[in-house]
Amino acid sequence: MFMRIIEEHNLVILNDTTLTLLRPSNRASVIDLALASPQLAPMCNTFVESDTFGSDHYSVITTIGIQVSLKSKFSYRISLTKEQFTFFYRELATHVNNLLPLDKDNGMQCYDVLMRMIMDIAKSFLPEDKHLPRTFTFPSKLVPPPWWNELCSSAVETRRKALKNLVSNPTKEKLEEFQRTRDDCSRKLSEQKREGWRRLVQRL
């Protein structure tokens, strides 16, 4: 039935033969599928994570090879002295009269004029070579939660070793060992999370 639906909608299966389900045998099981339309499939890149993160299934990651259009954003934070802030306030009060002739029923026009006025005044506090907006991109970093500690890291590392042993030698015994290690890891993480948040709240 599932294959009939794929054929009826002319979908493309993006997976290769990489297994996505842990099984105590050498036979690969690919039951977690990534699907795409024929138009989108050529732009997709699909791979399977090497860690199950405590699940019986591997995560299937699909990226689409389309360049993201970045928008320029004026992102300067200006530190003003008390005298500069007073000047900035007076400039805004003086230029606000430019909004009076505008059509009050045209909200977007009033907004655009107000924003340009604020930006022009703000730029007057910047050097000439920094008047234009710039686009900043920052790499995402996975920041551990405040309750994470060495015990959590050790439990995750033990779980990953059990997974590696299962993949290299997929037997029933190795699967049971991984499941025990996974459950133990989940229990320790839950305990540390509960205790960690409790300690954090008590310090507030």
N, C-alpha and C. Protein backbone atom coordinates (compact mmCIF):
# COMPACT_ATOMS: atom_id res chain seq x y z
N MET A 1 0.82 -1.21 0.00
CA MET A 1 0.00 0.00 0.00
C MET A 1 0.86 1.25 0.00
N PHE A 2 1.90 1.23 0.84
CA PHE A 2 2.77 2.40 0.92
C PHE A 2 3.48 2.66 -0.41
N MET A 3 3.97 1.59 -1.04
CA MET A 3 4.63 1.74 -2.34
C MET A 3 3.64 2.21 -3.40
N ARG A 4 2.39 1.80 -3.29
CA ARG A 4 1.40 2.25 -4.26
C ARG A 4 1.16 3.76 -4.15
N ILE A 5 1.15 4.26 -2.91
CA ILE A 5 0.99 5.70 -2.70
C ILE A 5 2.17 6.46 -3.29
N ILE A 6 3.39 5.94 -3.09
CA ILE A 6 4.58 6.58 -3.65
C ILE A 6 4.50 6.63 -5.17
N GLU A 7 4.08 5.53 -5.78
CA GLU A 7 3.98 5.49 -7.24
C GLU A 7 2.86 6.38 -7.76
N GLU A 8 1.73 6.41 -7.06
CA GLU A 8 0.61 7.23 -7.52
C GLU A 8 0.96 8.71 -7.51
N HIS A 9 1.75 9.14 -6.50
CA HIS A 9 2.11 10.56 -6.39
C HIS A 9 3.47 10.85 -7.04
N ASN A 10 4.05 9.83 -7.67
CA ASN A 10 5.30 10.00 -8.40
C ASN A 10 6.40 10.57 -7.51
N LEU A 11 6.54 10.01 -6.29
CA LEU A 11 7.54 10.47 -5.34
C LEU A 11 8.86 9.73 -5.54
N VAL A 12 9.94 10.36 -5.08
CA VAL A 12 11.28 9.78 -5.21
C VAL A 12 11.80 9.45 -3.82
N ILE A 13 12.30 8.21 -3.63
CA ILE A 13 12.91 7.82 -2.37
C ILE A 13 14.36 8.27 -2.36
N LEU A 14 14.74 9.08 -1.38
CA LEU A 14 16.07 9.67 -1.33
C LEU A 14 17.09 8.79 -0.61
N ASN A 15 16.62 7.80 0.15
CA ASN A 15 17.54 6.95 0.92
C ASN A 15 18.41 6.09 0.01
N ASP A 16 19.60 5.75 0.55
CA ASP A 16 20.38 4.69 -0.08
C ASP A 16 20.17 3.42 0.73
N THR A 17 21.11 2.52 0.75
CA THR A 17 20.93 1.26 1.47
C THR A 17 21.41 1.32 2.91
N THR A 18 21.75 2.50 3.40
CA THR A 18 22.20 2.64 4.78
C THR A 18 21.06 2.30 5.74
N LEU A 19 21.32 1.42 6.71
CA LEU A 19 20.26 1.01 7.62
C LEU A 19 19.81 2.16 8.50
N THR A 20 18.54 2.16 8.85
CA THR A 20 17.99 3.19 9.72
C THR A 20 17.37 2.62 10.98
N LEU A 21 17.37 1.28 11.11
CA LEU A 21 16.80 0.62 12.28
C LEU A 21 17.79 -0.40 12.82
N LEU A 22 18.00 -0.37 14.13
CA LEU A 22 18.90 -1.32 14.77
C LEU A 22 18.24 -2.70 14.83
N ARG A 23 18.96 -3.72 14.33
CA ARG A 23 18.43 -5.08 14.37
C ARG A 23 19.57 -6.04 14.71
N PRO A 24 19.28 -7.12 15.45
CA PRO A 24 20.33 -8.08 15.79
C PRO A 24 20.63 -9.04 14.66
N SER A 25 20.97 -8.51 13.50
CA SER A 25 21.32 -9.32 12.33
C SER A 25 22.12 -8.47 11.39
N ASN A 26 22.69 -9.09 10.38
CA ASN A 26 23.48 -8.36 9.40
C ASN A 26 22.60 -7.78 8.29
N ARG A 27 21.32 -8.08 8.33
CA ARG A 27 20.43 -7.60 7.28
C ARG A 27 20.03 -6.15 7.57
N ALA A 28 20.30 -5.30 6.60
CA ALA A 28 19.97 -3.89 6.78
C ALA A 28 18.47 -3.68 6.70
N SER A 29 17.98 -2.77 7.55
CA SER A 29 16.56 -2.43 7.54
C SER A 29 16.43 -0.94 7.35
N VAL A 30 15.82 -0.55 6.23
CA VAL A 30 15.66 0.87 5.90
C VAL A 30 14.17 1.17 5.90
N ILE A 31 13.62 1.43 7.09
CA ILE A 31 12.18 1.68 7.18
C ILE A 31 11.87 3.17 7.36
N ASP A 32 12.89 3.98 7.62
CA ASP A 32 12.70 5.42 7.76
C ASP A 32 13.07 6.07 6.43
N LEU A 33 12.07 6.50 5.69
CA LEU A 33 12.30 6.97 4.34
C LEU A 33 12.19 8.49 4.24
N ALA A 34 12.99 9.05 3.37
CA ALA A 34 12.90 10.47 3.02
C ALA A 34 12.37 10.53 1.59
N LEU A 35 11.29 11.26 1.38
CA LEU A 35 10.63 11.34 0.08
C LEU A 35 10.64 12.77 -0.44
N ALA A 36 10.64 12.90 -1.76
CA ALA A 36 10.61 14.22 -2.37
C ALA A 36 9.94 14.12 -3.73
N SER A 37 9.51 15.25 -4.23
CA SER A 37 8.92 15.28 -5.57
C SER A 37 10.03 15.16 -6.61
N PRO A 38 9.71 14.78 -7.85
CA PRO A 38 10.74 14.68 -8.89
C PRO A 38 11.45 16.00 -9.15
N GLN A 39 10.75 17.12 -8.94
CA GLN A 39 11.36 18.43 -9.18
C GLN A 39 12.37 18.78 -8.07
N LEU A 40 12.07 18.36 -6.83
CA LEU A 40 12.91 18.72 -5.69
C LEU A 40 14.03 17.72 -5.45
N ALA A 41 13.84 16.46 -5.85
CA ALA A 41 14.80 15.40 -5.54
C ALA A 41 16.22 15.68 -6.02
N PRO A 42 16.43 16.21 -7.25
CA PRO A 42 17.81 16.44 -7.69
C PRO A 42 18.57 17.46 -6.84
N MET A 43 17.86 18.29 -6.08
CA MET A 43 18.52 19.31 -5.26
C MET A 43 18.74 18.84 -3.82
N CYS A 44 18.36 17.59 -3.52
CA CYS A 44 18.42 17.09 -2.15
C CYS A 44 19.65 16.22 -1.92
N ASN A 45 20.16 16.30 -0.73
CA ASN A 45 21.25 15.44 -0.28
C ASN A 45 20.82 14.79 1.03
N THR A 46 20.76 13.46 1.04
CA THR A 46 20.25 12.74 2.20
C THR A 46 21.33 11.83 2.78
N PHE A 47 21.45 11.84 4.10
CA PHE A 47 22.39 10.94 4.76
C PHE A 47 21.81 10.52 6.10
N VAL A 48 22.38 9.46 6.67
CA VAL A 48 21.91 8.91 7.94
C VAL A 48 22.94 9.22 9.02
N GLU A 49 22.47 9.75 10.15
CA GLU A 49 23.36 10.06 11.26
C GLU A 49 24.04 8.79 11.77
N SER A 50 25.25 8.94 12.30
CA SER A 50 25.99 7.78 12.82
C SER A 50 25.59 7.44 14.25
N ASP A 51 24.85 8.32 14.92
CA ASP A 51 24.42 8.10 16.29
C ASP A 51 22.90 8.05 16.33
N THR A 52 22.35 7.11 17.11
CA THR A 52 20.90 7.02 17.24
C THR A 52 20.35 7.93 18.34
N PHE A 53 21.24 8.53 19.14
CA PHE A 53 20.86 9.41 20.25
C PHE A 53 19.89 8.71 21.21
N GLY A 54 20.14 7.41 21.42
CA GLY A 54 19.35 6.65 22.38
C GLY A 54 18.12 5.99 21.81
N SER A 55 17.84 6.15 20.53
CA SER A 55 16.67 5.54 19.92
C SER A 55 17.06 4.24 19.22
N ASP A 56 16.06 3.49 18.77
CA ASP A 56 16.32 2.31 17.94
C ASP A 56 16.50 2.70 16.47
N HIS A 57 16.21 3.95 16.16
CA HIS A 57 16.27 4.43 14.78
C HIS A 57 17.38 5.47 14.63
N TYR A 58 18.00 5.48 13.47
CA TYR A 58 18.96 6.52 13.12
C TYR A 58 18.19 7.70 12.50
N SER A 59 18.67 8.89 12.77
CA SER A 59 18.06 10.08 12.17
C SER A 59 18.45 10.17 10.70
N VAL A 60 17.46 10.47 9.85
CA VAL A 60 17.70 10.65 8.42
C VAL A 60 17.66 12.15 8.14
N ILE A 61 18.77 12.69 7.68
CA ILE A 61 18.91 14.13 7.47
C ILE A 61 18.87 14.43 5.97
N THR A 62 18.04 15.37 5.59
CA THR A 62 17.95 15.79 4.19
C THR A 62 18.19 17.29 4.10
N THR A 63 19.14 17.67 3.28
CA THR A 63 19.41 19.09 3.04
C THR A 63 19.05 19.42 1.60
N ILE A 64 18.57 20.61 1.39
CA ILE A 64 18.19 21.06 0.05
C ILE A 64 19.23 22.06 -0.44
N GLY A 65 19.81 21.78 -1.58
CA GLY A 65 20.91 22.59 -2.09
C GLY A 65 20.47 23.87 -2.74
N ILE A 66 19.79 24.70 -1.99
CA ILE A 66 19.37 26.01 -2.50
C ILE A 66 20.03 27.08 -1.65
N GLN A 67 20.68 28.01 -2.29
CA GLN A 67 21.35 29.07 -1.55
C GLN A 67 20.34 29.97 -0.87
N VAL A 68 20.52 30.18 0.40
CA VAL A 68 19.60 31.02 1.16
C VAL A 68 19.87 32.48 0.86
N SER A 69 18.82 33.22 0.62
CA SER A 69 18.96 34.65 0.35
C SER A 69 19.04 35.39 1.68
N LEU A 70 20.19 36.01 1.93
CA LEU A 70 20.39 36.75 3.17
C LEU A 70 19.94 38.19 3.00
N LYS A 71 19.34 38.73 4.01
CA LYS A 71 18.86 40.10 3.98
C LYS A 71 19.76 40.98 4.83
N SER A 72 20.17 42.12 4.26
CA SER A 72 21.01 43.05 5.01
C SER A 72 20.22 43.66 6.16
N LYS A 73 20.88 43.78 7.28
CA LYS A 73 20.21 44.31 8.46
C LYS A 73 21.14 45.29 9.16
N PHE A 74 20.61 46.46 9.47
CA PHE A 74 21.38 47.46 10.21
C PHE A 74 21.44 47.03 11.66
N SER A 75 22.59 46.56 12.08
CA SER A 75 22.68 45.87 13.38
C SER A 75 23.62 46.54 14.37
N TYR A 76 23.94 47.81 14.15
CA TYR A 76 24.85 48.49 15.07
C TYR A 76 24.15 48.81 16.38
N ARG A 77 24.85 48.60 17.47
CA ARG A 77 24.39 49.04 18.77
C ARG A 77 25.23 50.24 19.18
N ILE A 78 24.57 51.36 19.37
CA ILE A 78 25.28 52.61 19.59
C ILE A 78 25.21 52.96 21.08
N SER A 79 26.37 53.11 21.68
CA SER A 79 26.44 53.54 23.08
C SER A 79 26.50 55.06 23.11
N LEU A 80 25.51 55.68 23.71
CA LEU A 80 25.42 57.14 23.74
C LEU A 80 25.68 57.66 25.16
N THR A 81 26.36 58.77 25.20
CA THR A 81 26.50 59.46 26.48
C THR A 81 25.19 60.19 26.79
N LYS A 82 25.09 60.74 27.97
CA LYS A 82 23.88 61.45 28.35
C LYS A 82 23.65 62.64 27.43
N GLU A 83 24.72 63.34 27.06
CA GLU A 83 24.60 64.50 26.18
C GLU A 83 24.19 64.06 24.77
N GLN A 84 24.77 62.96 24.28
CA GLN A 84 24.42 62.47 22.96
C GLN A 84 22.97 62.01 22.90
N PHE A 85 22.51 61.35 23.98
CA PHE A 85 21.12 60.90 23.99
C PHE A 85 20.17 62.09 23.98
N THR A 86 20.53 63.14 24.70
CA THR A 86 19.71 64.36 24.70
C THR A 86 19.63 64.94 23.29
N PHE A 87 20.78 64.96 22.58
CA PHE A 87 20.80 65.47 21.21
C PHE A 87 19.96 64.57 20.29
N PHE A 88 20.08 63.26 20.48
CA PHE A 88 19.32 62.32 19.66
C PHE A 88 17.81 62.52 19.86
N TYR A 89 17.41 62.71 21.10
CA TYR A 89 15.99 62.93 21.41
C TYR A 89 15.49 64.23 20.77
N ARG A 90 16.31 65.28 20.84
CA ARG A 90 15.90 66.56 20.26
C ARG A 90 15.79 66.46 18.74
N GLU A 91 16.71 65.72 18.12
CA GLU A 91 16.66 65.54 16.68
C GLU A 91 15.38 64.81 16.27
N LEU A 92 15.03 63.77 17.03
CA LEU A 92 13.79 63.05 16.72
C LEU A 92 12.58 63.97 16.88
N ALA A 93 12.55 64.75 17.95
CA ALA A 93 11.43 65.65 18.18
C ALA A 93 11.31 66.69 17.07
N THR A 94 12.47 67.14 16.55
CA THR A 94 12.46 68.14 15.48
C THR A 94 11.96 67.54 14.17
N HIS A 95 12.44 66.36 13.85
CA HIS A 95 12.10 65.73 12.57
C HIS A 95 10.73 65.09 12.56
N VAL A 96 10.11 64.92 13.73
CA VAL A 96 8.79 64.29 13.74
C VAL A 96 7.77 65.14 13.01
N ASN A 97 8.06 66.44 12.86
CA ASN A 97 7.15 67.30 12.12
C ASN A 97 7.03 66.87 10.66
N ASN A 98 8.04 66.13 10.16
CA ASN A 98 7.98 65.67 8.77
C ASN A 98 6.89 64.62 8.57
N LEU A 99 6.40 64.06 9.66
CA LEU A 99 5.35 63.05 9.54
C LEU A 99 3.97 63.67 9.41
N LEU A 100 3.82 64.93 9.79
CA LEU A 100 2.50 65.55 9.82
C LEU A 100 1.83 65.63 8.46
N PRO A 101 2.54 65.97 7.35
CA PRO A 101 1.86 66.07 6.06
C PRO A 101 1.46 64.71 5.47
N LEU A 102 1.87 63.62 6.07
CA LEU A 102 1.61 62.30 5.51
C LEU A 102 0.15 61.92 5.66
N ASP A 103 -0.27 61.00 4.79
CA ASP A 103 -1.63 60.48 4.85
C ASP A 103 -1.72 59.52 6.04
N LYS A 104 -2.46 59.90 7.05
CA LYS A 104 -2.54 59.07 8.26
C LYS A 104 -3.23 57.74 8.01
N ASP A 105 -3.99 57.65 6.92
CA ASP A 105 -4.66 56.38 6.60
C ASP A 105 -3.70 55.39 5.94
N ASN A 106 -2.54 55.88 5.49
CA ASN A 106 -1.55 55.01 4.87
C ASN A 106 -0.50 54.65 5.92
N GLY A 107 -0.77 53.59 6.68
CA GLY A 107 0.10 53.21 7.78
C GLY A 107 1.49 52.82 7.34
N MET A 108 1.60 52.12 6.20
CA MET A 108 2.90 51.67 5.74
C MET A 108 3.79 52.83 5.34
N GLN A 109 3.20 53.85 4.72
CA GLN A 109 3.99 55.03 4.33
C GLN A 109 4.51 55.75 5.57
N CYS A 110 3.67 55.91 6.58
CA CYS A 110 4.09 56.56 7.82
C CYS A 110 5.21 55.76 8.49
N TYR A 111 5.07 54.44 8.48
CA TYR A 111 6.09 53.59 9.09
C TYR A 111 7.43 53.72 8.38
N ASP A 112 7.41 53.67 7.03
CA ASP A 112 8.65 53.76 6.26
C ASP A 112 9.34 55.10 6.49
N VAL A 113 8.58 56.19 6.52
CA VAL A 113 9.18 57.51 6.73
C VAL A 113 9.76 57.61 8.14
N LEU A 114 9.05 57.08 9.12
CA LEU A 114 9.53 57.11 10.51
C LEU A 114 10.82 56.32 10.64
N MET A 115 10.89 55.13 10.05
CA MET A 115 12.09 54.30 10.15
C MET A 115 13.28 54.96 9.46
N ARG A 116 13.05 55.55 8.28
CA ARG A 116 14.16 56.24 7.58
C ARG A 116 14.66 57.42 8.40
N MET A 117 13.76 58.12 9.05
CA MET A 117 14.15 59.27 9.87
C MET A 117 15.01 58.81 11.04
N ILE A 118 14.58 57.75 11.74
CA ILE A 118 15.35 57.25 12.88
C ILE A 118 16.71 56.73 12.43
N MET A 119 16.74 56.03 11.29
CA MET A 119 18.00 55.48 10.80
C MET A 119 18.96 56.59 10.41
N ASP A 120 18.48 57.63 9.75
CA ASP A 120 19.35 58.73 9.33
C ASP A 120 19.97 59.43 10.54
N ILE A 121 19.16 59.63 11.57
CA ILE A 121 19.69 60.28 12.76
C ILE A 121 20.69 59.36 13.48
N ALA A 122 20.38 58.06 13.53
CA ALA A 122 21.28 57.11 14.19
C ALA A 122 22.61 57.04 13.46
N LYS A 123 22.59 57.09 12.12
CA LYS A 123 23.82 57.00 11.35
C LYS A 123 24.73 58.20 11.59
N SER A 124 24.16 59.31 12.02
CA SER A 124 24.98 60.49 12.26
C SER A 124 25.95 60.29 13.42
N PHE A 125 25.72 59.28 14.23
CA PHE A 125 26.62 58.97 15.34
C PHE A 125 27.70 57.97 14.94
N LEU A 126 27.67 57.49 13.70
CA LEU A 126 28.62 56.48 13.23
C LEU A 126 29.65 57.08 12.30
N PRO A 127 30.81 56.44 12.18
CA PRO A 127 31.80 56.88 11.19
C PRO A 127 31.23 56.77 9.78
N GLU A 128 31.76 57.55 8.87
CA GLU A 128 31.25 57.61 7.51
C GLU A 128 31.29 56.26 6.81
N ASP A 129 32.33 55.45 7.09
CA ASP A 129 32.47 54.17 6.40
C ASP A 129 31.59 53.07 6.99
N LYS A 130 30.78 53.39 8.00
CA LYS A 130 29.91 52.38 8.59
C LYS A 130 28.44 52.77 8.53
N HIS A 131 28.10 53.60 7.54
CA HIS A 131 26.72 54.04 7.41
C HIS A 131 25.84 53.01 6.71
N LEU A 132 26.45 52.10 5.97
CA LEU A 132 25.67 51.13 5.21
C LEU A 132 25.42 49.88 6.05
N PRO A 133 24.22 49.28 5.89
CA PRO A 133 23.93 48.06 6.65
C PRO A 133 24.78 46.90 6.15
N ARG A 134 25.05 45.96 7.03
CA ARG A 134 25.83 44.78 6.68
C ARG A 134 25.10 43.53 7.14
N THR A 135 25.39 42.41 6.49
CA THR A 135 24.79 41.13 6.85
C THR A 135 25.81 40.31 7.63
N PHE A 136 25.42 39.82 8.78
CA PHE A 136 26.28 39.00 9.61
C PHE A 136 25.73 37.60 9.67
N THR A 137 26.58 36.62 9.51
CA THR A 137 26.19 35.22 9.67
C THR A 137 27.04 34.61 10.77
N PHE A 138 26.39 33.90 11.67
CA PHE A 138 27.07 33.31 12.80
C PHE A 138 26.85 31.80 12.79
N PRO A 139 27.91 31.00 12.94
CA PRO A 139 27.72 29.54 12.99
C PRO A 139 26.98 29.15 14.26
N SER A 140 26.03 28.22 14.09
CA SER A 140 25.26 27.77 15.24
C SER A 140 26.11 26.86 16.11
N LYS A 141 26.06 27.07 17.39
CA LYS A 141 26.80 26.25 18.34
C LYS A 141 25.81 25.62 19.32
N LEU A 142 25.97 24.34 19.53
CA LEU A 142 25.11 23.64 20.47
C LEU A 142 25.61 23.89 21.88
N VAL A 143 24.87 24.69 22.61
CA VAL A 143 25.25 25.05 23.97
C VAL A 143 24.58 24.07 24.93
N PRO A 144 25.36 23.38 25.78
CA PRO A 144 24.76 22.43 26.71
C PRO A 144 23.88 23.15 27.73
N PRO A 145 22.82 22.49 28.20
CA PRO A 145 21.94 23.11 29.21
C PRO A 145 22.70 23.29 30.52
N PRO A 146 22.20 24.15 31.40
CA PRO A 146 22.93 24.43 32.65
C PRO A 146 23.04 23.23 33.58
N TRP A 147 22.20 22.21 33.39
CA TRP A 147 22.27 21.05 34.28
C TRP A 147 23.24 19.98 33.77
N TRP A 148 23.82 20.16 32.59
CA TRP A 148 24.71 19.15 32.00
C TRP A 148 26.02 19.11 32.78
N ASN A 149 26.50 17.89 33.07
CA ASN A 149 27.75 17.74 33.81
C ASN A 149 28.54 16.56 33.26
N GLU A 150 29.62 16.21 33.96
CA GLU A 150 30.49 15.12 33.52
C GLU A 150 29.77 13.77 33.52
N LEU A 151 28.87 13.57 34.47
CA LEU A 151 28.11 12.33 34.52
C LEU A 151 27.26 12.16 33.27
N CYS A 152 26.66 13.25 32.80
CA CYS A 152 25.86 13.19 31.57
C CYS A 152 26.74 12.85 30.37
N SER A 153 27.88 13.50 30.26
CA SER A 153 28.79 13.24 29.14
C SER A 153 29.27 11.80 29.15
N SER A 154 29.57 11.27 30.35
CA SER A 154 30.04 9.90 30.46
C SER A 154 28.95 8.91 30.05
N ALA A 155 27.70 9.17 30.46
CA ALA A 155 26.59 8.29 30.11
C ALA A 155 26.36 8.26 28.60
N VAL A 156 26.44 9.42 27.96
CA VAL A 156 26.25 9.49 26.51
C VAL A 156 27.38 8.77 25.78
N GLU A 157 28.61 8.94 26.27
CA GLU A 157 29.75 8.27 25.65
C GLU A 157 29.64 6.75 25.77
N THR A 158 29.18 6.26 26.91
CA THR A 158 28.98 4.82 27.09
C THR A 158 27.91 4.30 26.14
N ARG A 159 26.85 5.07 25.98
CA ARG A 159 25.79 4.67 25.05
C ARG A 159 26.30 4.61 23.61
N ARG A 160 27.13 5.55 23.24
CA ARG A 160 27.68 5.57 21.88
C ARG A 160 28.62 4.37 21.65
N LYS A 161 29.38 4.00 22.67
CA LYS A 161 30.25 2.84 22.54
C LYS A 161 29.44 1.56 22.36
N ALA A 162 28.33 1.45 23.11
CA ALA A 162 27.46 0.28 22.96
C ALA A 162 26.85 0.23 21.57
N LEU A 163 26.50 1.39 21.03
CA LEU A 163 25.97 1.44 19.67
C LEU A 163 27.02 1.01 18.65
N LYS A 164 28.24 1.48 18.84
CA LYS A 164 29.32 1.12 17.93
C LYS A 164 29.59 -0.39 17.97
N ASN A 165 29.53 -0.98 19.16
CA ASN A 165 29.72 -2.43 19.29
C ASN A 165 28.60 -3.19 18.59
N LEU A 166 27.39 -2.67 18.68
CA LEU A 166 26.25 -3.33 18.04
C LEU A 166 26.36 -3.27 16.52
N VAL A 167 26.77 -2.12 16.02
CA VAL A 167 26.89 -1.97 14.56
C VAL A 167 27.99 -2.88 14.01
N SER A 168 29.10 -3.00 14.74
CA SER A 168 30.21 -3.83 14.27
C SER A 168 29.92 -5.32 14.43
N ASN A 169 29.07 -5.66 15.40
CA ASN A 169 28.73 -7.06 15.65
C ASN A 169 27.25 -7.16 16.00
N PRO A 170 26.36 -7.10 15.01
CA PRO A 170 24.91 -7.03 15.27
C PRO A 170 24.30 -8.37 15.71
N THR A 171 24.48 -8.68 16.97
CA THR A 171 23.90 -9.89 17.54
C THR A 171 22.79 -9.50 18.52
N LYS A 172 22.03 -10.50 18.93
CA LYS A 172 20.96 -10.25 19.88
C LYS A 172 21.52 -9.78 21.21
N GLU A 173 22.66 -10.36 21.61
CA GLU A 173 23.28 -9.97 22.88
C GLU A 173 23.74 -8.51 22.83
N LYS A 174 24.33 -8.11 21.71
CA LYS A 174 24.79 -6.73 21.58
C LYS A 174 23.61 -5.75 21.57
N LEU A 175 22.50 -6.16 20.94
CA LEU A 175 21.31 -5.31 20.93
C LEU A 175 20.76 -5.14 22.34
N GLU A 176 20.71 -6.22 23.10
CA GLU A 176 20.22 -6.14 24.47
C GLU A 176 21.14 -5.28 25.33
N GLU A 177 22.45 -5.40 25.09
CA GLU A 177 23.42 -4.57 25.82
C GLU A 177 23.21 -3.09 25.50
N PHE A 178 23.00 -2.80 24.22
CA PHE A 178 22.75 -1.41 23.82
C PHE A 178 21.47 -0.88 24.45
N GLN A 179 20.42 -1.68 24.46
CA GLN A 179 19.15 -1.24 25.03
C GLN A 179 19.29 -0.97 26.53
N ARG A 180 20.06 -1.81 27.25
CA ARG A 180 20.29 -1.55 28.67
C ARG A 180 21.08 -0.27 28.87
N THR A 181 22.11 -0.08 28.04
CA THR A 181 22.92 1.13 28.15
C THR A 181 22.11 2.37 27.81
N ARG A 182 21.26 2.24 26.80
CA ARG A 182 20.41 3.37 26.41
C ARG A 182 19.45 3.75 27.52
N ASP A 183 18.81 2.74 28.13
CA ASP A 183 17.87 3.02 29.22
C ASP A 183 18.59 3.64 30.42
N ASP A 184 19.80 3.12 30.72
CA ASP A 184 20.57 3.67 31.83
C ASP A 184 20.96 5.12 31.56
N CYS A 185 21.32 5.41 30.30
CA CYS A 185 21.68 6.78 29.92
C CYS A 185 20.48 7.71 30.07
N SER A 186 19.32 7.27 29.59
CA SER A 186 18.11 8.09 29.70
C SER A 186 17.76 8.36 31.15
N ARG A 187 17.91 7.34 32.01
CA ARG A 187 17.61 7.52 33.43
C ARG A 187 18.55 8.54 34.07
N LYS A 188 19.85 8.43 33.78
CA LYS A 188 20.82 9.35 34.37
C LYS A 188 20.59 10.78 33.87
N LEU A 189 20.29 10.93 32.59
CA LEU A 189 20.04 12.28 32.07
C LEU A 189 18.80 12.89 32.71
N SER A 190 17.76 12.08 32.89
CA SER A 190 16.54 12.59 33.53
C SER A 190 16.81 13.01 34.96
N GLU A 191 17.58 12.21 35.70
CA GLU A 191 17.90 12.53 37.08
C GLU A 191 18.72 13.82 37.18
N GLN A 192 19.74 13.92 36.33
CA GLN A 192 20.59 15.12 36.37
C GLN A 192 19.82 16.36 35.93
N LYS A 193 18.92 16.18 34.98
CA LYS A 193 18.11 17.31 34.53
C LYS A 193 17.21 17.80 35.66
N ARG A 194 16.55 16.87 36.33
CA ARG A 194 15.65 17.23 37.43
C ARG A 194 16.42 17.90 38.57
N GLU A 195 17.54 17.29 38.99
CA GLU A 195 18.32 17.83 40.09
C GLU A 195 18.99 19.15 39.69
N GLY A 196 19.45 19.22 38.45
CA GLY A 196 20.12 20.43 38.00
C GLY A 196 19.20 21.63 37.97
N TRP A 197 17.99 21.46 37.45
CA TRP A 197 17.03 22.57 37.43
C TRP A 197 16.62 22.95 38.85
N ARG A 198 16.53 21.94 39.73
CA ARG A 198 16.16 22.23 41.12
C ARG A 198 17.22 23.08 41.79
N ARG A 199 18.49 22.73 41.57
CA ARG A 199 19.59 23.53 42.15
C ARG A 199 19.62 24.93 41.57
N LEU A 200 19.33 25.03 40.28
CA LEU A 200 19.35 26.34 39.63
C LEU A 200 18.26 27.24 40.19
N VAL A 201 17.05 26.69 40.37
CA VAL A 201 15.96 27.48 40.90
C VAL A 201 16.23 27.91 42.34
N GLN A 202 16.85 27.05 43.12
CA GLN A 202 17.15 27.38 44.52
C GLN A 202 18.15 28.51 44.64
N ARG A 203 18.98 28.68 43.61
CA ARG A 203 19.96 29.77 43.67
C ARG A 203 19.38 31.11 43.25
N LEU A 204 18.20 31.10 42.66
CA LEU A 204 17.60 32.36 42.19
C LEU A 204 17.06 33.18 43.37
